[in-house]
Every structure is written in structure tokens, then in C-alpha cells.
C-alpha atoms as a PDB file:
ATOM      1  CA  MET A   1      45.691  11.021 -60.540  1.00  0.00           C
ATOM      2  CA  SER A   2      46.610   7.528 -61.720  1.00  0.00           C
ATOM      3  CA  PHE A   3      44.950   5.466 -64.569  1.00  0.00           C
ATOM      4  CA  SER A   4      45.539   3.003 -67.181  1.00  0.00           C
ATOM      5  CA  CYS A   5      43.405   1.959 -70.216  1.00  0.00           C
ATOM      6  CA  GLU A   6      44.018  -1.449 -71.876  1.00  0.00           C
ATOM      7  CA  LEU A   7      42.488  -3.623 -74.344  1.00  0.00           C
ATOM      8  CA  ASN A   8      40.713  -6.966 -73.504  1.00  0.00           C
ATOM      9  CA  GLN A   9      41.227  -8.667 -76.720  1.00  0.00           C
ATOM     10  CA  ASP A  10      39.238 -11.884 -75.606  1.00  0.00           C
ATOM     11  CA  HIS A  11      35.878  -9.998 -74.965  1.00  0.00           C
ATOM     12  CA  GLU A  12      36.541  -6.985 -77.277  1.00  0.00           C
ATOM     13  CA  TYR A  13      36.417  -3.961 -74.690  1.00  0.00           C
ATOM     14  CA  VAL A  14      38.805  -1.254 -73.340  1.00  0.00           C
ATOM     15  CA  ILE A  15      39.040  -1.264 -69.771  1.00  0.00           C
ATOM     16  CA  CYS A  16      40.045   1.869 -67.946  1.00  0.00           C
ATOM     17  CA  ILE A  17      41.255   1.570 -64.321  1.00  0.00           C
ATOM     18  CA  MET A  18      41.521   4.879 -62.307  1.00  0.00           C
ATOM     19  CA  SER A  19      42.845   5.647 -58.765  1.00  0.00           C
ATOM     20  CA  ASP A  20      43.657   8.373 -56.649  1.00  0.00           C
ATOM     21  CA  LYS A  21      42.398  11.966 -56.846  1.00  0.00           C
ATOM     22  CA  MET A  22      40.582  12.496 -59.951  1.00  0.00           C
ATOM     23  CA  THR A  23      39.446  16.058 -61.221  1.00  0.00           C
ATOM     24  CA  LEU A  24      37.060  16.746 -64.241  1.00  0.00           C
ATOM     25  CA  ASP A  25      40.069  17.226 -66.270  1.00  0.00           C
ATOM     26  CA  ASP A  26      41.574  13.879 -65.371  1.00  0.00           C
ATOM     27  CA  HIS A  27      38.186  12.053 -66.290  1.00  0.00           C
ATOM     28  CA  LYS A  28      38.551  13.893 -69.633  1.00  0.00           C
ATOM     29  CA  GLN A  29      41.967  12.442 -70.275  1.00  0.00           C
ATOM     30  CA  VAL A  30      41.057   8.789 -69.303  1.00  0.00           C
ATOM     31  CA  ARG A  31      37.810   9.421 -71.424  1.00  0.00           C
ATOM     32  CA  GLU A  32      39.966  10.773 -74.295  1.00  0.00           C
ATOM     33  CA  GLN A  33      42.464   7.905 -74.211  1.00  0.00           C
ATOM     34  CA  ALA A  34      39.590   5.270 -74.159  1.00  0.00           C
ATOM     35  CA  ALA A  35      38.298   6.675 -77.180  1.00  0.00           C
ATOM     36  CA  VAL A  36      41.300   6.518 -79.103  1.00  0.00           C
ATOM     37  CA  LEU A  37      41.503   2.779 -78.227  1.00  0.00           C
ATOM     38  CA  LEU A  38      37.988   2.222 -79.133  1.00  0.00           C
ATOM     39  CA  LYS A  39      38.264   3.945 -82.474  1.00  0.00           C
ATOM     40  CA  GLU A  40      41.337   2.163 -83.331  1.00  0.00           C
ATOM     41  CA  GLN A  41      39.940  -1.222 -82.495  1.00  0.00           C
ATOM     42  CA  GLY A  42      36.526  -0.437 -84.029  1.00  0.00           C
ATOM     43  CA  TRP A  43      34.794  -1.519 -80.758  1.00  0.00           C
ATOM     44  CA  ASN A  44      32.186  -0.060 -78.877  1.00  0.00           C
ATOM     45  CA  ARG A  45      32.365  -1.443 -75.203  1.00  0.00           C
ATOM     46  CA  LEU A  46      34.200   0.426 -72.542  1.00  0.00           C
ATOM     47  CA  LEU A  47      34.633  -0.894 -68.776  1.00  0.00           C
ATOM     48  CA  VAL A  48      35.723   1.758 -66.160  1.00  0.00           C
ATOM     49  CA  ASP A  49      36.715   0.471 -62.651  1.00  0.00           C
ATOM     50  CA  ALA A  50      36.457   3.732 -60.535  1.00  0.00           C
ATOM     51  CA  ARG A  51      36.430   1.891 -57.171  1.00  0.00           C
ATOM     52  CA  GLN A  52      39.814   3.429 -56.046  1.00  0.00           C
ATOM     53  CA  ILE A  53      39.047   7.143 -56.938  1.00  0.00           C
ATOM     54  CA  ASP A  54      38.942   9.978 -54.715  1.00  0.00           C
ATOM     55  CA  ALA A  55      36.615  12.114 -57.013  1.00  0.00           C
ATOM     56  CA  ARG A  56      36.919  15.615 -56.775  1.00  0.00           C
ATOM     57  CA  MET A  57      34.045  16.718 -59.072  1.00  0.00           C
ATOM     58  CA  SER A  58      30.854  18.640 -58.156  1.00  0.00           C
ATOM     59  CA  LEU A  59      27.386  17.580 -59.061  1.00  0.00           C
ATOM     60  CA  THR A  60      27.465  20.099 -61.867  1.00  0.00           C
ATOM     61  CA  ASP A  61      30.800  18.485 -63.081  1.00  0.00           C
ATOM     62  CA  ASP A  62      29.271  15.134 -62.837  1.00  0.00           C
ATOM     63  CA  TYR A  63      26.265  16.259 -64.899  1.00  0.00           C
ATOM     64  CA  GLN A  64      28.387  18.145 -67.507  1.00  0.00           C
ATOM     65  CA  PHE A  65      30.909  15.364 -68.278  1.00  0.00           C
ATOM     66  CA  THR A  66      28.260  12.643 -68.308  1.00  0.00           C
ATOM     67  CA  GLU A  67      26.254  14.736 -70.827  1.00  0.00           C
ATOM     68  CA  SER A  68      29.188  15.344 -72.990  1.00  0.00           C
ATOM     69  CA  HIS A  69      29.920  11.531 -73.546  1.00  0.00           C
ATOM     70  CA  ARG A  70      27.716  11.808 -76.686  1.00  0.00           C
ATOM     71  CA  SER A  71      30.258  13.827 -78.453  1.00  0.00           C
ATOM     72  CA  ASN A  72      33.378  12.351 -77.048  1.00  0.00           C
ATOM     73  CA  LEU A  73      32.469   8.506 -77.290  1.00  0.00           C
ATOM     74  CA  PRO A  74      31.131   6.406 -80.180  1.00  0.00           C
ATOM     75  CA  VAL A  75      27.471   6.824 -80.397  1.00  0.00           C
ATOM     76  CA  THR A  76      26.937   3.005 -80.096  1.00  0.00           C
ATOM     77  CA  ILE A  77      29.085   2.841 -76.785  1.00  0.00           C
ATOM     78  CA  HIS A  78      28.154   0.293 -74.179  1.00  0.00           C
ATOM     79  CA  LEU A  79      29.863   1.577 -71.083  1.00  0.00           C
ATOM     80  CA  ALA A  80      29.819  -0.180 -67.646  1.00  0.00           C
ATOM     81  CA  VAL A  81      31.368   1.776 -64.797  1.00  0.00           C
ATOM     82  CA  ILE A  82      32.182   0.134 -61.512  1.00  0.00           C
ATOM     83  CA  TYR A  83      31.940   2.193 -58.114  1.00  0.00           C
ATOM     84  CA  ARG A  84      32.264   1.424 -54.286  1.00  0.00           C
ATOM     85  CA  PRO A  85      28.922   0.198 -52.920  1.00  0.00           C
ATOM     86  CA  GLU A  86      29.112   3.098 -50.360  1.00  0.00           C
ATOM     87  CA  GLU A  87      29.065   5.823 -53.101  1.00  0.00           C
ATOM     88  CA  ILE A  88      26.669   4.068 -55.288  1.00  0.00           C
ATOM     89  CA  GLU A  89      23.661   6.392 -54.690  1.00  0.00           C
ATOM     90  CA  ARG A  90      25.600   9.568 -55.979  1.00  0.00           C
ATOM     91  CA  PHE A  91      26.812   7.523 -59.127  1.00  0.00           C
ATOM     92  CA  ARG A  92      23.160   6.424 -59.866  1.00  0.00           C
ATOM     93  CA  PHE A  93      22.639  10.048 -60.844  1.00  0.00           C
ATOM     94  CA  ILE A  94      25.284   9.829 -63.390  1.00  0.00           C
ATOM     95  CA  GLU A  95      23.574   6.533 -64.865  1.00  0.00           C
ATOM     96  CA  THR A  96      20.289   8.457 -64.917  1.00  0.00           C
ATOM     97  CA  VAL A  97      21.789  11.460 -66.958  1.00  0.00           C
ATOM     98  CA  ALA A  98      23.490   8.990 -69.462  1.00  0.00           C
ATOM     99  CA  VAL A  99      20.492   6.898 -69.948  1.00  0.00           C
ATOM    100  CA  ASN A 100      18.017   9.928 -70.365  1.00  0.00           C
ATOM    101  CA  ARG A 101      20.526  11.099 -73.166  1.00  0.00           C
ATOM    102  CA  GLY A 102      20.240   7.707 -74.844  1.00  0.00           C
ATOM    103  CA  GLN A 103      23.389   6.378 -73.745  1.00  0.00           C
ATOM    104  CA  ASN A 104      23.902   2.783 -72.889  1.00  0.00           C
ATOM    105  CA  MET A 105      25.644   2.952 -69.517  1.00  0.00           C
ATOM    106  CA  LYS A 106      25.225   1.033 -66.566  1.00  0.00           C
ATOM    107  CA  ILE A 107      26.617   1.370 -62.762  1.00  0.00           C
ATOM    108  CA  PHE A 108      27.738  -1.704 -60.853  1.00  0.00           C
ATOM    109  CA  THR A 109      29.477  -2.327 -57.672  1.00  0.00           C
ATOM    110  CA  ASP A 110      30.471  -5.800 -58.748  1.00  0.00           C
ATOM    111  CA  ALA A 111      33.026  -6.337 -61.139  1.00  0.00           C
ATOM    112  CA  ASP A 112      31.909  -9.780 -62.550  1.00  0.00           C
ATOM    113  CA  GLU A 113      28.289  -8.281 -62.950  1.00  0.00           C
ATOM    114  CA  ALA A 114      29.764  -5.322 -65.096  1.00  0.00           C
ATOM    115  CA  VAL A 115      31.897  -7.513 -67.473  1.00  0.00           C
ATOM    116  CA  ALA A 116      28.819  -9.931 -67.721  1.00  0.00           C
ATOM    117  CA  TRP A 117      26.652  -7.280 -68.477  1.00  0.00           C
ATOM    118  CA  LEU A 118      29.360  -5.434 -71.085  1.00  0.00           C
ATOM    119  CA  THR A 119      30.168  -8.751 -72.951  1.00  0.00           C
ATOM    120  CA  SER A 120      26.312  -9.462 -73.564  1.00  0.00           C
ATOM    121  CA  HIS A 121      26.075  -6.582 -75.997  1.00  0.00           C
END
């Protein structure tokens, strides 16, 4: 597992970049660090770049992790996640779960589009 979370001061969002093998616990660790940074800054925008991960999560893990965002991220979160195009269908499920639970989350394959969407909110 490898990740970093940093502040984008110009556009007031946190960006987390993940790579390598990522388990459910690894995803929770990334989310925890992002939540701390968001709270410290008083921001509600998070960009996750997951194009380089080898996700080691089941569909059930995907569902439970996404559903638990409500209690682990700011209520007003705007979350943009970037995935590889060849895996986009699997991750549309994650987006659907989030949106069905009232979260403002969108999946992208293009980083520029993700940033544009995120910074428009």
C-alpha cells in the first residue's frame, strides 16, 4: 500500500493519491487521513486518484466502505474519484451506492474533468 494526501490551497481541496495493493483497511486509512485534513482546513472537497491501485476488495467491501462515508466524511462532502477507464464499470457501482445515500460523489477517468467538477462546487 502506498498513498499520500495533500492540500491544494489554490482550489481548497484535499487530494489523495493511492497506488499498489489496497485492502479495505488501507482504504479506511486513506479516508481517515483525508477526513482529518478536511476538518483542519474547514473544507468539503476531496479528490482521490486511484488510477494506480490494485484494489483487493470484494463487491461487499466496496458497498460497505462507500456506505460508511456518511459517518466518516463531512456531510457536505464533494468527492471526485479518478479510476482507470478499463475499470470504470465496476466503480460506477460505487458511485451509485454513494449517490443513493445522498452523497455528492462522482467517478471520472480524466483528471482534468474531475478537478473541474470538484472546483465548480
